[in-house]
Amino acid sequence: MPYLIKKLSLSLKKTYLCPANLESSLIMEALNEFTIPIEGLAEGMHHFDFQINKRFFDQFENSPIKDGNFDMKLHFDKRPDMLVLTFEFSGTYKTDCDRCLEVIDLPVNNSQQLIVKYSDEPKEDEIIYISYDAQLLNVAKYAYESICLAIPIIKVCDEMEDPPCNDKMLDYLDGDDDDGDGGGDEPSSPIWEALKDFKKK
């Protein structure tokens, strides 16, 4: 599984909920359940279940996901020299279909892994570093990034069990419309040509 890459230069202090200087808007009740008490946690594998919904995504400014519902499992492996976090999730989020422009609940299923190491000195690396005396670790930011990384570039409803396709739009893209706006010899606009390309793909 690919590593969830994030560069941080701040070490985690006891008063922080996240190993980064997050906006105060993130440290709210909606994200409190994502705080792991690492100081009292025994070494070995631990498992946490989270329910992620619209309220969760509302806490992140300019989120590409405005509304969604996900079941997330966090496999938290505490080792003497590091923490290995594996985020497994499945669910859907609301978006516009790039082909027919209908609003769809697009399914997303994936997993991401994050490595957290201990260090008293801030470092620039592809690994998260926290201080040795850290008591808490809030994983909300990393759960959010895991889902965002799994969003497909092209969003279409092909793999949905009952796709809510806009048949009128699809007919237009096929050139079967009766209005003369997209079929026959009438020239099409660049926008419609781009949509036809999505249809062909």
N, C-alpha and C. Protein backbone atom coordinates (compact mmCIF):
# COMPACT_ATOMS: atom_id res chain seq x y z
N MET A 1 0.84 -1.19 0.00
CA MET A 1 0.00 0.00 0.00
C MET A 1 0.88 1.25 0.00
N PRO A 2 0.48 2.27 -0.71
CA PRO A 2 1.31 3.47 -0.77
C PRO A 2 1.27 4.22 0.55
N TYR A 3 2.37 4.88 0.85
CA TYR A 3 2.43 5.70 2.04
C TYR A 3 1.66 7.00 1.82
N LEU A 4 0.98 7.43 2.85
CA LEU A 4 0.33 8.73 2.82
C LEU A 4 1.40 9.76 3.12
N ILE A 5 1.79 10.53 2.11
CA ILE A 5 2.94 11.41 2.25
C ILE A 5 2.50 12.79 2.73
N LYS A 6 3.17 13.28 3.77
CA LYS A 6 2.88 14.61 4.28
C LYS A 6 4.12 15.13 4.98
N LYS A 7 4.57 16.30 4.61
CA LYS A 7 5.75 16.86 5.22
C LYS A 7 5.35 17.81 6.35
N LEU A 8 5.94 17.62 7.51
CA LEU A 8 5.69 18.47 8.66
C LEU A 8 7.01 18.85 9.29
N SER A 9 7.10 20.06 9.83
CA SER A 9 8.33 20.48 10.49
C SER A 9 8.09 20.77 11.97
N LEU A 10 6.89 20.52 12.46
CA LEU A 10 6.57 20.78 13.85
C LEU A 10 6.45 19.48 14.61
N SER A 11 7.06 19.40 15.78
CA SER A 11 6.91 18.22 16.63
C SER A 11 5.65 18.36 17.47
N LEU A 12 5.14 17.23 17.90
CA LEU A 12 3.90 17.22 18.66
C LEU A 12 4.18 17.51 20.13
N LYS A 13 3.54 18.53 20.69
CA LYS A 13 3.65 18.84 22.10
C LYS A 13 2.44 18.29 22.83
N LYS A 14 2.51 18.25 24.15
CA LYS A 14 1.45 17.64 24.93
C LYS A 14 0.12 18.36 24.75
N THR A 15 0.17 19.66 24.49
CA THR A 15 -1.06 20.43 24.40
C THR A 15 -1.72 20.33 23.03
N TYR A 16 -1.04 19.70 22.05
CA TYR A 16 -1.60 19.59 20.71
C TYR A 16 -2.48 18.35 20.59
N LEU A 17 -3.49 18.46 19.76
CA LEU A 17 -4.29 17.30 19.40
C LEU A 17 -3.80 16.68 18.10
N CYS A 18 -3.07 17.43 17.30
CA CYS A 18 -2.54 16.93 16.04
C CYS A 18 -1.06 17.27 15.96
N PRO A 19 -0.28 16.48 15.23
CA PRO A 19 1.13 16.79 15.08
C PRO A 19 1.36 17.87 14.04
N ALA A 20 0.52 18.84 14.03
CA ALA A 20 0.66 19.99 13.15
C ALA A 20 -0.12 21.13 13.77
N ASN A 21 0.27 22.33 13.44
CA ASN A 21 -0.40 23.49 14.02
C ASN A 21 -1.68 23.77 13.24
N LEU A 22 -2.72 23.03 13.54
CA LEU A 22 -3.96 23.10 12.78
C LEU A 22 -4.74 24.36 13.12
N GLU A 23 -5.62 24.74 12.21
CA GLU A 23 -6.56 25.82 12.47
C GLU A 23 -7.42 25.43 13.66
N SER A 24 -7.80 26.44 14.44
CA SER A 24 -8.62 26.16 15.62
C SER A 24 -9.95 25.54 15.24
N SER A 25 -10.42 25.82 14.01
CA SER A 25 -11.70 25.27 13.58
C SER A 25 -11.67 23.75 13.47
N LEU A 26 -10.46 23.17 13.33
CA LEU A 26 -10.36 21.72 13.21
C LEU A 26 -10.46 21.04 14.56
N ILE A 27 -10.05 21.73 15.62
CA ILE A 27 -10.07 21.10 16.94
C ILE A 27 -11.45 21.34 17.54
N MET A 28 -12.39 20.59 17.09
CA MET A 28 -13.78 20.75 17.47
C MET A 28 -14.35 19.40 17.86
N GLU A 29 -15.56 19.46 18.38
CA GLU A 29 -16.22 18.25 18.83
C GLU A 29 -16.34 17.21 17.73
N ALA A 30 -16.55 17.66 16.50
CA ALA A 30 -16.72 16.71 15.38
C ALA A 30 -15.47 15.87 15.15
N LEU A 31 -14.31 16.33 15.62
CA LEU A 31 -13.06 15.61 15.38
C LEU A 31 -12.47 15.01 16.65
N ASN A 32 -13.09 15.23 17.78
CA ASN A 32 -12.55 14.73 19.04
C ASN A 32 -12.42 13.21 19.06
N GLU A 33 -13.36 12.53 18.42
CA GLU A 33 -13.34 11.06 18.45
C GLU A 33 -12.14 10.47 17.73
N PHE A 34 -11.43 11.29 16.96
CA PHE A 34 -10.27 10.82 16.23
C PHE A 34 -8.97 10.97 17.04
N THR A 35 -9.08 11.36 18.29
CA THR A 35 -7.90 11.52 19.14
C THR A 35 -7.56 10.18 19.79
N ILE A 36 -6.33 9.72 19.57
CA ILE A 36 -5.86 8.45 20.11
C ILE A 36 -4.93 8.72 21.30
N PRO A 37 -5.21 8.15 22.48
CA PRO A 37 -4.35 8.34 23.66
C PRO A 37 -3.12 7.44 23.58
N ILE A 38 -2.12 7.86 22.84
CA ILE A 38 -0.99 6.98 22.56
C ILE A 38 -0.11 6.72 23.79
N GLU A 39 -0.11 7.64 24.77
CA GLU A 39 0.77 7.46 25.92
C GLU A 39 0.42 6.21 26.71
N GLY A 40 -0.86 5.94 26.91
CA GLY A 40 -1.27 4.78 27.70
C GLY A 40 -1.60 3.55 26.88
N LEU A 41 -1.31 3.60 25.58
CA LEU A 41 -1.65 2.50 24.70
C LEU A 41 -0.53 1.46 24.71
N ALA A 42 -0.91 0.20 24.91
CA ALA A 42 0.09 -0.87 24.93
C ALA A 42 0.66 -1.09 23.53
N GLU A 43 1.87 -1.60 23.47
CA GLU A 43 2.46 -1.92 22.18
C GLU A 43 1.70 -3.08 21.53
N GLY A 44 1.64 -3.03 20.21
CA GLY A 44 0.90 -4.04 19.48
C GLY A 44 -0.16 -3.42 18.60
N MET A 45 -1.02 -4.26 18.02
CA MET A 45 -2.04 -3.81 17.09
C MET A 45 -3.32 -3.44 17.81
N HIS A 46 -3.88 -2.30 17.43
CA HIS A 46 -5.16 -1.83 17.97
C HIS A 46 -6.05 -1.45 16.79
N HIS A 47 -7.36 -1.51 17.00
CA HIS A 47 -8.30 -1.24 15.92
C HIS A 47 -9.34 -0.21 16.38
N PHE A 48 -9.61 0.76 15.51
CA PHE A 48 -10.58 1.81 15.80
C PHE A 48 -11.52 1.94 14.61
N ASP A 49 -12.80 2.14 14.90
CA ASP A 49 -13.82 2.32 13.86
C ASP A 49 -14.36 3.74 13.92
N PHE A 50 -14.50 4.36 12.75
CA PHE A 50 -15.00 5.73 12.66
C PHE A 50 -16.11 5.81 11.62
N GLN A 51 -17.09 6.65 11.90
CA GLN A 51 -18.14 6.98 10.94
C GLN A 51 -17.88 8.41 10.46
N ILE A 52 -17.70 8.57 9.16
CA ILE A 52 -17.37 9.86 8.58
C ILE A 52 -18.54 10.34 7.73
N ASN A 53 -18.97 11.59 7.98
CA ASN A 53 -20.13 12.12 7.26
C ASN A 53 -19.89 13.59 6.90
N LYS A 54 -20.96 14.26 6.49
CA LYS A 54 -20.85 15.65 6.05
C LYS A 54 -20.26 16.55 7.13
N ARG A 55 -20.64 16.31 8.37
CA ARG A 55 -20.14 17.15 9.45
C ARG A 55 -18.61 17.08 9.55
N PHE A 56 -18.07 15.92 9.28
CA PHE A 56 -16.62 15.75 9.29
C PHE A 56 -15.98 16.59 8.19
N PHE A 57 -16.48 16.50 6.97
CA PHE A 57 -15.88 17.22 5.85
C PHE A 57 -16.05 18.73 5.99
N ASP A 58 -17.09 19.16 6.71
CA ASP A 58 -17.32 20.59 6.92
C ASP A 58 -16.19 21.24 7.72
N GLN A 59 -15.42 20.44 8.46
CA GLN A 59 -14.37 20.99 9.29
C GLN A 59 -13.11 21.36 8.50
N PHE A 60 -13.05 20.96 7.21
CA PHE A 60 -11.86 21.20 6.41
C PHE A 60 -12.16 22.22 5.32
N GLU A 61 -11.46 23.32 5.37
CA GLU A 61 -11.70 24.41 4.43
C GLU A 61 -11.34 24.00 3.01
N ASN A 62 -12.20 24.38 2.07
CA ASN A 62 -11.99 24.09 0.64
C ASN A 62 -11.90 22.59 0.35
N SER A 63 -12.63 21.81 1.11
CA SER A 63 -12.61 20.36 0.89
C SER A 63 -13.22 20.01 -0.46
N PRO A 64 -12.60 19.12 -1.24
CA PRO A 64 -13.19 18.69 -2.51
C PRO A 64 -14.42 17.82 -2.29
N ILE A 65 -14.61 17.34 -1.07
CA ILE A 65 -15.79 16.55 -0.72
C ILE A 65 -16.66 17.39 0.20
N LYS A 66 -17.86 17.69 -0.23
CA LYS A 66 -18.78 18.49 0.56
C LYS A 66 -19.73 17.63 1.38
N ASP A 67 -20.07 16.47 0.86
CA ASP A 67 -21.02 15.59 1.54
C ASP A 67 -20.68 14.15 1.20
N GLY A 68 -20.56 13.32 2.21
CA GLY A 68 -20.25 11.92 1.98
C GLY A 68 -20.45 11.10 3.23
N ASN A 69 -20.49 9.79 3.08
CA ASN A 69 -20.64 8.86 4.20
C ASN A 69 -19.67 7.70 4.01
N PHE A 70 -18.79 7.52 5.00
CA PHE A 70 -17.77 6.49 4.90
C PHE A 70 -17.66 5.73 6.22
N ASP A 71 -17.42 4.44 6.10
CA ASP A 71 -17.01 3.61 7.23
C ASP A 71 -15.49 3.48 7.15
N MET A 72 -14.82 3.85 8.23
CA MET A 72 -13.37 3.79 8.23
C MET A 72 -12.87 2.93 9.38
N LYS A 73 -11.92 2.06 9.07
CA LYS A 73 -11.25 1.25 10.08
C LYS A 73 -9.79 1.68 10.15
N LEU A 74 -9.32 1.97 11.34
CA LEU A 74 -7.94 2.33 11.54
C LEU A 74 -7.23 1.19 12.26
N HIS A 75 -6.24 0.61 11.60
CA HIS A 75 -5.40 -0.42 12.21
C HIS A 75 -4.14 0.29 12.73
N PHE A 76 -4.03 0.36 14.04
CA PHE A 76 -3.02 1.18 14.71
C PHE A 76 -1.98 0.27 15.35
N ASP A 77 -0.83 0.18 14.71
CA ASP A 77 0.25 -0.70 15.17
C ASP A 77 1.27 0.13 15.94
N LYS A 78 1.27 -0.02 17.28
CA LYS A 78 2.22 0.73 18.10
C LYS A 78 3.47 -0.11 18.32
N ARG A 79 4.61 0.43 17.87
CA ARG A 79 5.89 -0.24 18.01
C ARG A 79 6.81 0.61 18.88
N PRO A 80 7.91 0.04 19.37
CA PRO A 80 8.80 0.80 20.25
C PRO A 80 9.36 2.07 19.61
N ASP A 81 9.62 2.04 18.30
CA ASP A 81 10.26 3.16 17.64
C ASP A 81 9.38 3.89 16.64
N MET A 82 8.16 3.42 16.44
CA MET A 82 7.29 4.07 15.46
C MET A 82 5.85 3.62 15.64
N LEU A 83 4.95 4.31 14.93
CA LEU A 83 3.54 3.93 14.82
C LEU A 83 3.25 3.69 13.35
N VAL A 84 2.55 2.61 13.04
CA VAL A 84 2.15 2.33 11.66
C VAL A 84 0.62 2.36 11.62
N LEU A 85 0.08 3.33 10.90
CA LEU A 85 -1.36 3.52 10.83
C LEU A 85 -1.86 3.14 9.44
N THR A 86 -2.82 2.24 9.39
CA THR A 86 -3.43 1.85 8.13
C THR A 86 -4.90 2.23 8.14
N PHE A 87 -5.28 3.09 7.22
CA PHE A 87 -6.67 3.55 7.11
C PHE A 87 -7.36 2.76 6.00
N GLU A 88 -8.40 2.01 6.35
CA GLU A 88 -9.20 1.30 5.36
C GLU A 88 -10.61 1.90 5.38
N PHE A 89 -11.14 2.23 4.22
CA PHE A 89 -12.43 2.92 4.21
C PHE A 89 -13.23 2.55 2.96
N SER A 90 -14.53 2.67 3.09
CA SER A 90 -15.45 2.46 1.97
C SER A 90 -16.68 3.33 2.21
N GLY A 91 -17.22 3.84 1.12
CA GLY A 91 -18.40 4.68 1.24
C GLY A 91 -18.67 5.41 -0.06
N THR A 92 -19.46 6.47 0.03
CA THR A 92 -19.81 7.26 -1.15
C THR A 92 -19.75 8.74 -0.82
N TYR A 93 -19.59 9.55 -1.86
CA TYR A 93 -19.70 10.99 -1.67
C TYR A 93 -20.42 11.60 -2.87
N LYS A 94 -21.07 12.73 -2.64
CA LYS A 94 -21.88 13.36 -3.67
C LYS A 94 -20.98 14.20 -4.59
N THR A 95 -21.18 14.00 -5.88
CA THR A 95 -20.44 14.76 -6.88
C THR A 95 -21.23 14.77 -8.18
N ASP A 96 -20.82 15.59 -9.13
CA ASP A 96 -21.45 15.61 -10.44
C ASP A 96 -20.77 14.61 -11.35
N CYS A 97 -21.55 13.83 -12.07
CA CYS A 97 -21.00 12.91 -13.06
C CYS A 97 -20.36 13.73 -14.18
N ASP A 98 -19.12 13.43 -14.51
CA ASP A 98 -18.42 14.18 -15.55
C ASP A 98 -18.98 13.92 -16.94
N ARG A 99 -19.81 12.90 -17.08
CA ARG A 99 -20.36 12.56 -18.39
C ARG A 99 -21.75 13.13 -18.59
N CYS A 100 -22.67 12.82 -17.68
CA CYS A 100 -24.06 13.25 -17.88
C CYS A 100 -24.47 14.41 -16.98
N LEU A 101 -23.56 14.86 -16.08
CA LEU A 101 -23.76 16.01 -15.21
C LEU A 101 -24.79 15.78 -14.10
N GLU A 102 -25.25 14.55 -13.96
CA GLU A 102 -26.20 14.24 -12.89
C GLU A 102 -25.45 14.15 -11.56
N VAL A 103 -26.13 14.55 -10.48
CA VAL A 103 -25.56 14.41 -9.14
C VAL A 103 -25.61 12.93 -8.74
N ILE A 104 -24.47 12.36 -8.36
CA ILE A 104 -24.40 10.93 -8.04
C ILE A 104 -23.71 10.74 -6.69
N ASP A 105 -23.97 9.59 -6.08
CA ASP A 105 -23.26 9.16 -4.88
C ASP A 105 -22.16 8.21 -5.35
N LEU A 106 -20.98 8.74 -5.54
CA LEU A 106 -19.89 7.97 -6.14
C LEU A 106 -19.21 7.09 -5.09
N PRO A 107 -19.12 5.79 -5.34
CA PRO A 107 -18.46 4.89 -4.38
C PRO A 107 -16.94 5.04 -4.41
N VAL A 108 -16.33 5.01 -3.22
CA VAL A 108 -14.87 5.07 -3.08
C VAL A 108 -14.45 4.05 -2.03
N ASN A 109 -13.55 3.16 -2.40
CA ASN A 109 -13.02 2.14 -1.49
C ASN A 109 -11.51 2.10 -1.65
N ASN A 110 -10.79 2.22 -0.54
CA ASN A 110 -9.34 2.26 -0.66
C ASN A 110 -8.71 2.08 0.71
N SER A 111 -7.38 2.11 0.73
CA SER A 111 -6.63 2.08 1.98
C SER A 111 -5.35 2.88 1.80
N GLN A 112 -4.88 3.49 2.89
CA GLN A 112 -3.65 4.26 2.87
C GLN A 112 -2.89 3.96 4.15
N GLN A 113 -1.57 4.03 4.07
CA GLN A 113 -0.75 3.75 5.24
C GLN A 113 0.09 4.98 5.60
N LEU A 114 0.24 5.21 6.89
CA LEU A 114 0.98 6.36 7.40
C LEU A 114 1.99 5.88 8.43
N ILE A 115 3.24 6.35 8.31
CA ILE A 115 4.29 6.03 9.25
C ILE A 115 4.52 7.23 10.16
N VAL A 116 4.52 6.99 11.47
CA VAL A 116 4.78 8.04 12.46
C VAL A 116 5.97 7.60 13.30
N LYS A 117 7.03 8.45 13.33
CA LYS A 117 8.21 8.12 14.11
C LYS A 117 8.42 9.16 15.22
N TYR A 118 9.22 8.76 16.21
CA TYR A 118 9.50 9.63 17.34
C TYR A 118 10.79 10.41 17.10
N SER A 119 10.77 11.68 17.46
CA SER A 119 11.97 12.52 17.38
C SER A 119 11.74 13.79 18.18
N ASP A 120 12.79 14.25 18.87
CA ASP A 120 12.71 15.50 19.62
C ASP A 120 13.08 16.70 18.76
N GLU A 121 13.56 16.45 17.55
CA GLU A 121 13.95 17.51 16.65
C GLU A 121 13.02 17.55 15.44
N PRO A 122 12.53 18.73 15.07
CA PRO A 122 11.71 18.84 13.85
C PRO A 122 12.50 18.38 12.64
N LYS A 123 11.84 17.67 11.74
CA LYS A 123 12.50 17.17 10.55
C LYS A 123 11.63 17.36 9.32
N GLU A 124 12.28 17.50 8.18
CA GLU A 124 11.60 17.53 6.89
C GLU A 124 11.78 16.16 6.26
N ASP A 125 10.70 15.44 6.09
CA ASP A 125 10.82 14.08 5.58
C ASP A 125 9.47 13.66 5.05
N GLU A 126 9.41 12.46 4.46
CA GLU A 126 8.15 11.92 3.98
C GLU A 126 7.49 11.06 5.05
N ILE A 127 7.86 11.30 6.30
CA ILE A 127 7.32 10.57 7.45
C ILE A 127 6.91 11.59 8.49
N ILE A 128 5.84 11.29 9.22
CA ILE A 128 5.41 12.17 10.31
C ILE A 128 6.30 11.93 11.52
N TYR A 129 6.70 13.01 12.21
CA TYR A 129 7.49 12.89 13.43
C TYR A 129 6.74 13.52 14.59
N ILE A 130 6.75 12.84 15.73
CA ILE A 130 6.16 13.36 16.95
C ILE A 130 7.19 13.24 18.07
N SER A 131 7.02 14.02 19.14
CA SER A 131 7.97 14.00 20.24
C SER A 131 7.79 12.73 21.08
N TYR A 132 8.84 12.36 21.80
CA TYR A 132 8.81 11.15 22.61
C TYR A 132 7.79 11.24 23.74
N ASP A 133 7.50 12.45 24.21
CA ASP A 133 6.57 12.59 25.33
C ASP A 133 5.15 12.92 24.88
N ALA A 134 4.86 12.70 23.60
CA ALA A 134 3.51 12.96 23.09
C ALA A 134 2.49 12.07 23.79
N GLN A 135 1.39 12.65 24.19
CA GLN A 135 0.33 11.91 24.87
C GLN A 135 -0.83 11.57 23.95
N LEU A 136 -1.12 12.47 23.01
CA LEU A 136 -2.29 12.32 22.15
C LEU A 136 -1.89 12.44 20.69
N LEU A 137 -2.62 11.76 19.86
CA LEU A 137 -2.45 11.89 18.41
C LEU A 137 -3.83 11.93 17.77
N ASN A 138 -4.17 13.07 17.17
CA ASN A 138 -5.45 13.19 16.47
C ASN A 138 -5.24 12.83 15.00
N VAL A 139 -5.94 11.82 14.53
CA VAL A 139 -5.72 11.30 13.17
C VAL A 139 -6.76 11.80 12.18
N ALA A 140 -7.58 12.77 12.57
CA ALA A 140 -8.64 13.25 11.67
C ALA A 140 -8.07 13.79 10.37
N LYS A 141 -6.99 14.57 10.46
CA LYS A 141 -6.39 15.16 9.26
C LYS A 141 -5.92 14.07 8.29
N TYR A 142 -5.39 12.98 8.82
CA TYR A 142 -4.87 11.92 7.97
C TYR A 142 -5.98 11.03 7.42
N ALA A 143 -7.06 10.87 8.18
CA ALA A 143 -8.23 10.17 7.67
C ALA A 143 -8.83 10.94 6.50
N TYR A 144 -8.90 12.25 6.65
CA TYR A 144 -9.42 13.12 5.59
C TYR A 144 -8.54 13.04 4.34
N GLU A 145 -7.21 13.13 4.52
CA GLU A 145 -6.30 13.09 3.38
C GLU A 145 -6.35 11.73 2.67
N SER A 146 -6.54 10.67 3.45
CA SER A 146 -6.62 9.33 2.85
C SER A 146 -7.78 9.24 1.88
N ILE A 147 -8.94 9.77 2.27
CA ILE A 147 -10.12 9.73 1.41
C ILE A 147 -9.92 10.63 0.19
N CYS A 148 -9.37 11.83 0.40
CA CYS A 148 -9.18 12.76 -0.72
C CYS A 148 -8.22 12.18 -1.76
N LEU A 149 -7.20 11.47 -1.31
CA LEU A 149 -6.25 10.87 -2.24
C LEU A 149 -6.88 9.77 -3.09
N ALA A 150 -7.99 9.21 -2.61
CA ALA A 150 -8.64 8.10 -3.32
C ALA A 150 -9.70 8.58 -4.32
N ILE A 151 -9.97 9.88 -4.37
CA ILE A 151 -10.98 10.39 -5.29
C ILE A 151 -10.49 10.21 -6.74
N PRO A 152 -11.28 9.59 -7.61
CA PRO A 152 -10.85 9.41 -9.00
C PRO A 152 -10.80 10.73 -9.75
N ILE A 153 -9.91 10.81 -10.74
CA ILE A 153 -9.79 12.03 -11.54
C ILE A 153 -11.04 12.23 -12.38
N ILE A 154 -11.51 11.16 -13.02
CA ILE A 154 -12.73 11.22 -13.83
C ILE A 154 -13.85 10.56 -13.04
N LYS A 155 -14.92 11.28 -12.82
CA LYS A 155 -16.01 10.82 -11.97
C LYS A 155 -17.22 10.46 -12.84
N VAL A 156 -17.42 9.18 -13.05
CA VAL A 156 -18.55 8.70 -13.83
C VAL A 156 -19.25 7.59 -13.06
N CYS A 157 -20.50 7.31 -13.44
CA CYS A 157 -21.31 6.38 -12.67
C CYS A 157 -21.38 4.99 -13.30
N ASP A 158 -20.36 4.61 -14.08
CA ASP A 158 -20.37 3.32 -14.77
C ASP A 158 -20.47 2.14 -13.80
N GLU A 159 -19.74 2.22 -12.69
CA GLU A 159 -19.65 1.08 -11.80
C GLU A 159 -20.74 1.06 -10.73
N MET A 160 -21.65 2.00 -10.78
CA MET A 160 -22.75 2.03 -9.82
C MET A 160 -23.79 0.98 -10.20
N GLU A 161 -24.39 0.37 -9.19
CA GLU A 161 -25.35 -0.70 -9.43
C GLU A 161 -26.58 -0.20 -10.16
N ASP A 162 -27.05 0.98 -9.81
CA ASP A 162 -28.21 1.58 -10.48
C ASP A 162 -27.86 3.02 -10.83
N PRO A 163 -27.07 3.24 -11.88
CA PRO A 163 -26.59 4.59 -12.19
C PRO A 163 -27.74 5.53 -12.56
N PRO A 164 -27.79 6.71 -11.93
CA PRO A 164 -28.87 7.67 -12.21
C PRO A 164 -28.54 8.55 -13.41
N CYS A 165 -28.26 7.92 -14.55
CA CYS A 165 -27.81 8.66 -15.72
C CYS A 165 -28.90 9.60 -16.24
N ASN A 166 -28.47 10.73 -16.71
CA ASN A 166 -29.37 11.68 -17.36
C ASN A 166 -29.47 11.26 -18.82
N ASP A 167 -30.54 10.51 -19.16
CA ASP A 167 -30.68 9.94 -20.50
C ASP A 167 -30.74 11.00 -21.59
N LYS A 168 -31.37 12.13 -21.28
CA LYS A 168 -31.47 13.19 -22.27
C LYS A 168 -30.09 13.73 -22.61
N MET A 169 -29.26 13.90 -21.60
CA MET A 169 -27.90 14.39 -21.83
C MET A 169 -27.09 13.35 -22.62
N LEU A 170 -27.24 12.08 -22.27
CA LEU A 170 -26.50 11.03 -22.97
C LEU A 170 -26.92 10.94 -24.43
N ASP A 171 -28.24 11.11 -24.70
CA ASP A 171 -28.71 11.10 -26.08
C ASP A 171 -28.12 12.27 -26.86
N TYR A 172 -28.01 13.41 -26.17
CA TYR A 172 -27.44 14.58 -26.83
C TYR A 172 -25.98 14.32 -27.20
N LEU A 173 -25.25 13.72 -26.27
CA LEU A 173 -23.84 13.44 -26.53
C LEU A 173 -23.66 12.40 -27.63
N ASP A 174 -24.68 11.52 -27.79
CA ASP A 174 -24.64 10.52 -28.85
C ASP A 174 -25.04 11.11 -30.20
N GLY A 175 -25.55 12.37 -30.18
CA GLY A 175 -25.98 13.00 -31.44
C GLY A 175 -27.36 12.57 -31.84
N ASP A 176 -28.17 12.08 -30.87
CA ASP A 176 -29.51 11.59 -31.20
C ASP A 176 -30.60 12.59 -30.85
N ASP A 177 -30.22 13.82 -30.50
CA ASP A 177 -31.24 14.79 -30.11
C ASP A 177 -32.01 15.25 -31.34
N ASP A 178 -33.22 15.73 -31.09
CA ASP A 178 -34.11 16.16 -32.18
C ASP A 178 -34.12 17.66 -32.34
N ASP A 179 -33.33 18.39 -31.52
CA ASP A 179 -33.43 19.84 -31.53
C ASP A 179 -32.45 20.49 -32.49
N GLY A 180 -31.54 19.68 -33.04
CA GLY A 180 -30.57 20.24 -33.98
C GLY A 180 -29.45 20.98 -33.31
N ASP A 181 -29.35 20.88 -31.95
CA ASP A 181 -28.32 21.62 -31.24
C ASP A 181 -27.02 20.85 -31.13
N GLY A 182 -27.06 19.53 -31.28
CA GLY A 182 -25.83 18.78 -31.11
C GLY A 182 -25.67 17.70 -32.15
N GLY A 183 -26.71 17.46 -32.96
CA GLY A 183 -26.64 16.41 -33.97
C GLY A 183 -26.61 17.00 -35.35
N GLY A 184 -26.65 16.16 -36.37
CA GLY A 184 -26.67 16.63 -37.75
C GLY A 184 -25.39 17.37 -38.10
N ASP A 185 -25.56 18.44 -38.88
CA ASP A 185 -24.41 19.20 -39.36
C ASP A 185 -24.16 20.45 -38.55
N GLU A 186 -24.96 20.65 -37.51
CA GLU A 186 -24.81 21.86 -36.70
C GLU A 186 -23.49 21.78 -35.94
N PRO A 187 -22.70 22.86 -35.90
CA PRO A 187 -21.44 22.85 -35.15
C PRO A 187 -21.71 22.79 -33.65
N SER A 188 -20.86 22.09 -32.94
CA SER A 188 -21.00 21.96 -31.49
C SER A 188 -20.03 22.92 -30.80
N SER A 189 -20.37 23.31 -29.59
CA SER A 189 -19.49 24.16 -28.81
C SER A 189 -18.36 23.33 -28.22
N PRO A 190 -17.26 23.96 -27.84
CA PRO A 190 -16.15 23.20 -27.23
C PRO A 190 -16.56 22.45 -25.97
N ILE A 191 -17.52 23.00 -25.23
CA ILE A 191 -17.97 22.34 -24.00
C ILE A 191 -18.62 21.01 -24.34
N TRP A 192 -19.51 21.01 -25.35
CA TRP A 192 -20.19 19.77 -25.71
C TRP A 192 -19.22 18.77 -26.33
N GLU A 193 -18.22 19.27 -27.05
CA GLU A 193 -17.22 18.37 -27.61
C GLU A 193 -16.44 17.67 -26.51
N ALA A 194 -16.13 18.43 -25.44
CA ALA A 194 -15.42 17.83 -24.31
C ALA A 194 -16.26 16.78 -23.64
N LEU A 195 -17.57 17.04 -23.50
CA LEU A 195 -18.47 16.07 -22.89
C LEU A 195 -18.59 14.82 -23.75
N LYS A 196 -18.56 15.00 -25.06
CA LYS A 196 -18.62 13.84 -25.94
C LYS A 196 -17.38 12.96 -25.76
N ASP A 197 -16.25 13.61 -25.52
CA ASP A 197 -15.03 12.85 -25.27
C ASP A 197 -15.16 11.99 -24.03
N PHE A 198 -15.77 12.55 -22.97
CA PHE A 198 -16.02 11.77 -21.75
C PHE A 198 -16.93 10.59 -22.04
N LYS A 199 -17.94 10.82 -22.87
CA LYS A 199 -18.88 9.76 -23.22
C LYS A 199 -18.16 8.62 -23.92
N LYS A 200 -17.25 8.97 -24.86
CA LYS A 200 -16.54 7.94 -25.60
C LYS A 200 -15.64 7.11 -24.70
N LYS A 201 -15.06 7.77 -23.69
CA LYS A 201 -14.17 7.06 -22.76
C LYS A 201 -14.94 6.11 -21.84
